[in-house]
C-alpha atoms as a PDB file:
ATOM      1  CA  MET A   1     103.188 101.048  96.277  1.00  0.00           C
ATOM      2  CA  GLU A   2     102.909 102.598  98.865  1.00  0.00           C
ATOM      3  CA  VAL A   3     101.924 101.806 102.546  1.00  0.00           C
ATOM      4  CA  ASN A   4      98.916 103.554 104.306  1.00  0.00           C
ATOM      5  CA  LEU A   5      98.559 102.019 107.834  1.00  0.00           C
ATOM      6  CA  LYS A   6      95.853 104.793 109.071  1.00  0.00           C
ATOM      7  CA  THR A   7      93.218 103.243 106.254  1.00  0.00           C
ATOM      8  CA  MET A   8      95.245  99.961 106.165  1.00  0.00           C
ATOM      9  CA  ASP A   9      92.517  97.490 108.546  1.00  0.00           C
ATOM     10  CA  THR A  10      94.382  95.207 109.773  1.00  0.00           C
ATOM     11  CA  PRO A  11      98.533  94.431 110.194  1.00  0.00           C
ATOM     12  CA  PRO A  12     100.288  95.333 107.582  1.00  0.00           C
ATOM     13  CA  LEU A  13     102.409  91.824 106.672  1.00  0.00           C
ATOM     14  CA  LYS A  14     105.224  91.137 105.002  1.00  0.00           C
ATOM     15  CA  HIS A  15     104.521  92.189 101.305  1.00  0.00           C
ATOM     16  CA  HIS A  16     104.177  95.458 102.740  1.00  0.00           C
ATOM     17  CA  ALA A  17     107.628  95.696 104.469  1.00  0.00           C
ATOM     18  CA  VAL A  18     109.164  94.729 100.849  1.00  0.00           C
ATOM     19  CA  ALA A  19     107.483  97.625  99.091  1.00  0.00           C
ATOM     20  CA  SER A  20     107.966  99.549 102.032  1.00  0.00           C
ATOM     21  CA  LEU A  21     111.729  98.702 101.483  1.00  0.00           C
ATOM     22  CA  LYS A  22     111.722  98.972  98.032  1.00  0.00           C
ATOM     23  CA  PRO A  23     108.754 100.802  96.446  1.00  0.00           C
ATOM     24  CA  ASP A  24     109.055 100.241  92.382  1.00  0.00           C
ATOM     25  CA  ALA A  25     110.296  96.524  93.580  1.00  0.00           C
ATOM     26  CA  LEU A  26     108.627  93.538  90.706  1.00  0.00           C
ATOM     27  CA  PHE A  27     107.669  90.731  92.674  1.00  0.00           C
ATOM     28  CA  THR A  28     104.466  88.376  93.055  1.00  0.00           C
ATOM     29  CA  TRP A  29     103.719  87.706  96.528  1.00  0.00           C
ATOM     30  CA  ALA A  30     102.641  83.658  96.822  1.00  0.00           C
ATOM     31  CA  GLY A  31     102.006  81.875 100.343  1.00  0.00           C
ATOM     32  CA  GLU A  32     105.110  82.986 102.543  1.00  0.00           C
ATOM     33  CA  GLU A  33     107.226  83.550  99.376  1.00  0.00           C
ATOM     34  CA  ILE A  34     108.162  86.486  97.443  1.00  0.00           C
ATOM     35  CA  ILE A  35     109.048  85.772  93.747  1.00  0.00           C
ATOM     36  CA  TRP A  36     111.271  88.528  92.988  1.00  0.00           C
ATOM     37  CA  HIS A  37     111.026  89.493  89.091  1.00  0.00           C
ATOM     38  CA  ASP A  38     113.551  91.724  88.603  1.00  0.00           C
ATOM     39  CA  GLY A  39     115.867  89.601  90.389  1.00  0.00           C
ATOM     40  CA  ASN A  40     116.338  91.207  93.170  1.00  0.00           C
ATOM     41  CA  PRO A  41     118.473  94.164  92.229  1.00  0.00           C
ATOM     42  CA  THR A  42     118.613  95.579  96.124  1.00  0.00           C
ATOM     43  CA  ASN A  43     119.563  91.549  97.873  1.00  0.00           C
ATOM     44  CA  ILE A  44     116.870  92.554 100.269  1.00  0.00           C
ATOM     45  CA  THR A  45     117.308  89.806 102.927  1.00  0.00           C
ATOM     46  CA  GLU A  46     115.055  87.879 104.803  1.00  0.00           C
ATOM     47  CA  GLU A  47     116.579  89.777 108.446  1.00  0.00           C
ATOM     48  CA  GLN A  48     115.415  93.202 106.631  1.00  0.00           C
ATOM     49  CA  ILE A  49     111.668  92.274 105.799  1.00  0.00           C
ATOM     50  CA  ALA A  50     111.281  91.436 109.827  1.00  0.00           C
ATOM     51  CA  THR A  51     112.801  94.211 110.608  1.00  0.00           C
ATOM     52  CA  LYS A  52     111.007  96.480 108.653  1.00  0.00           C
ATOM     53  CA  LEU A  53     107.861  94.615 109.493  1.00  0.00           C
ATOM     54  CA  ALA A  54     107.974  94.640 113.279  1.00  0.00           C
ATOM     55  CA  GLU A  55     108.885  98.965 112.684  1.00  0.00           C
ATOM     56  CA  LEU A  56     105.582  98.709 110.132  1.00  0.00           C
ATOM     57  CA  VAL A  57     103.376  96.856 112.479  1.00  0.00           C
ATOM     58  CA  THR A  58     104.362  98.480 115.651  1.00  0.00           C
ATOM     59  CA  GLU A  59     103.340 102.019 113.328  1.00  0.00           C
ATOM     60  CA  TRP A  60     100.609 100.373 112.952  1.00  0.00           C
ATOM     61  CA  GLU A  61      98.998  99.756 116.417  1.00  0.00           C
ATOM     62  CA  THR A  62     100.403 103.251 117.342  1.00  0.00           C
ATOM     63  CA  LEU A  63      98.005 104.610 114.780  1.00  0.00           C
ATOM     64  CA  ASP A  64      95.216 102.830 116.233  1.00  0.00           C
ATOM     65  CA  TYR A  65      93.245 106.349 117.293  1.00  0.00           C
ATOM     66  CA  ALA A  66      93.065 107.625 113.815  1.00  0.00           C
ATOM     67  CA  ARG A  67      90.990 104.487 112.475  1.00  0.00           C
ATOM     68  CA  LYS A  68      88.962 104.540 115.284  1.00  0.00           C
ATOM     69  CA  ARG A  69      88.284 108.974 114.948  1.00  0.00           C
ATOM     70  CA  LYS A  70      87.542 107.729 110.947  1.00  0.00           C
ATOM     71  CA  ILE A  71      84.863 105.702 111.476  1.00  0.00           C
ATOM     72  CA  GLU A  72      82.961 108.299 113.839  1.00  0.00           C
ATOM     73  CA  TYR A  73      84.251 111.679 112.725  1.00  0.00           C
ATOM     74  CA  PRO A  74      81.213 113.080 110.049  1.00  0.00           C
ATOM     75  CA  SER A  75      81.374 112.251 106.753  1.00  0.00           C
ATOM     76  CA  ILE A  76      81.489 114.030 103.641  1.00  0.00           C
ATOM     77  CA  PHE A  77      78.238 115.099 103.376  1.00  0.00           C
ATOM     78  CA  GLU A  78      78.292 116.424 107.353  1.00  0.00           C
ATOM     79  CA  LEU A  79      80.401 118.171 106.187  1.00  0.00           C
ATOM     80  CA  VAL A  80      79.588 120.069 103.051  1.00  0.00           C
ATOM     81  CA  VAL A  81      75.992 120.847 104.846  1.00  0.00           C
ATOM     82  CA  ALA A  82      78.219 122.281 107.326  1.00  0.00           C
ATOM     83  CA  LEU A  83      79.011 124.953 104.270  1.00  0.00           C
ATOM     84  CA  TYR A  84      75.773 126.900 103.805  1.00  0.00           C
ATOM     85  CA  ASP A  85      74.380 126.366 108.112  1.00  0.00           C
ATOM     86  CA  THR A  86      75.922 127.496 110.875  1.00  0.00           C
ATOM     87  CA  ASP A  87      73.949 125.248 113.211  1.00  0.00           C
ATOM     88  CA  ASP A  88      75.017 121.968 111.826  1.00  0.00           C
ATOM     89  CA  LYS A  89      78.757 123.811 112.071  1.00  0.00           C
ATOM     90  CA  ALA A  90      79.396 124.130 115.045  1.00  0.00           C
ATOM     91  CA  ALA A  91      77.518 120.733 115.520  1.00  0.00           C
ATOM     92  CA  ILE A  92      80.079 118.927 113.517  1.00  0.00           C
ATOM     93  CA  GLU A  93      82.975 120.620 115.907  1.00  0.00           C
ATOM     94  CA  ALA A  94      81.185 119.735 118.451  1.00  0.00           C
ATOM     95  CA  LYS A  95      81.662 115.888 117.433  1.00  0.00           C
ATOM     96  CA  ARG A  96      84.759 116.357 116.061  1.00  0.00           C
ATOM     97  CA  ALA A  97      85.628 117.337 119.407  1.00  0.00           C
ATOM     98  CA  GLU A  98      83.779 114.400 121.278  1.00  0.00           C
ATOM     99  CA  VAL A  99      85.944 111.920 118.853  1.00  0.00           C
ATOM    100  CA  LYS A 100      89.294 113.949 119.373  1.00  0.00           C
ATOM    101  CA  THR A 101      88.512 113.557 123.241  1.00  0.00           C
ATOM    102  CA  LYS A 102      87.208 109.530 122.879  1.00  0.00           C
ATOM    103  CA  TYR A 103      90.285 108.686 120.647  1.00  0.00           C
ATOM    104  CA  PRO A 104      93.231 110.973 122.102  1.00  0.00           C
ATOM    105  CA  LYS A 105      96.460 110.089 119.902  1.00  0.00           C
END
């Protein structure tokens, strides 16, 4: 499972850290318990999981601007219409510039 922090609405959880450390691991997430279905072949420790989770949360927090921009950016429909109308394209470019200024990196 690939962890895409730009599209996550909520902060990452422990199972995201496990998936990030070992993308092909077979496990079930039951509350706070990890049930390994492949015998935890890489011997991922709780300390490694906690460290990775802290990294993911920090990265997720730094990507807040991207999530806010996504909400306010023009829709796909607006972009398609702008392909055929110069006035619409200028309005789209102005809207994107405004959103980028409002939520800088």
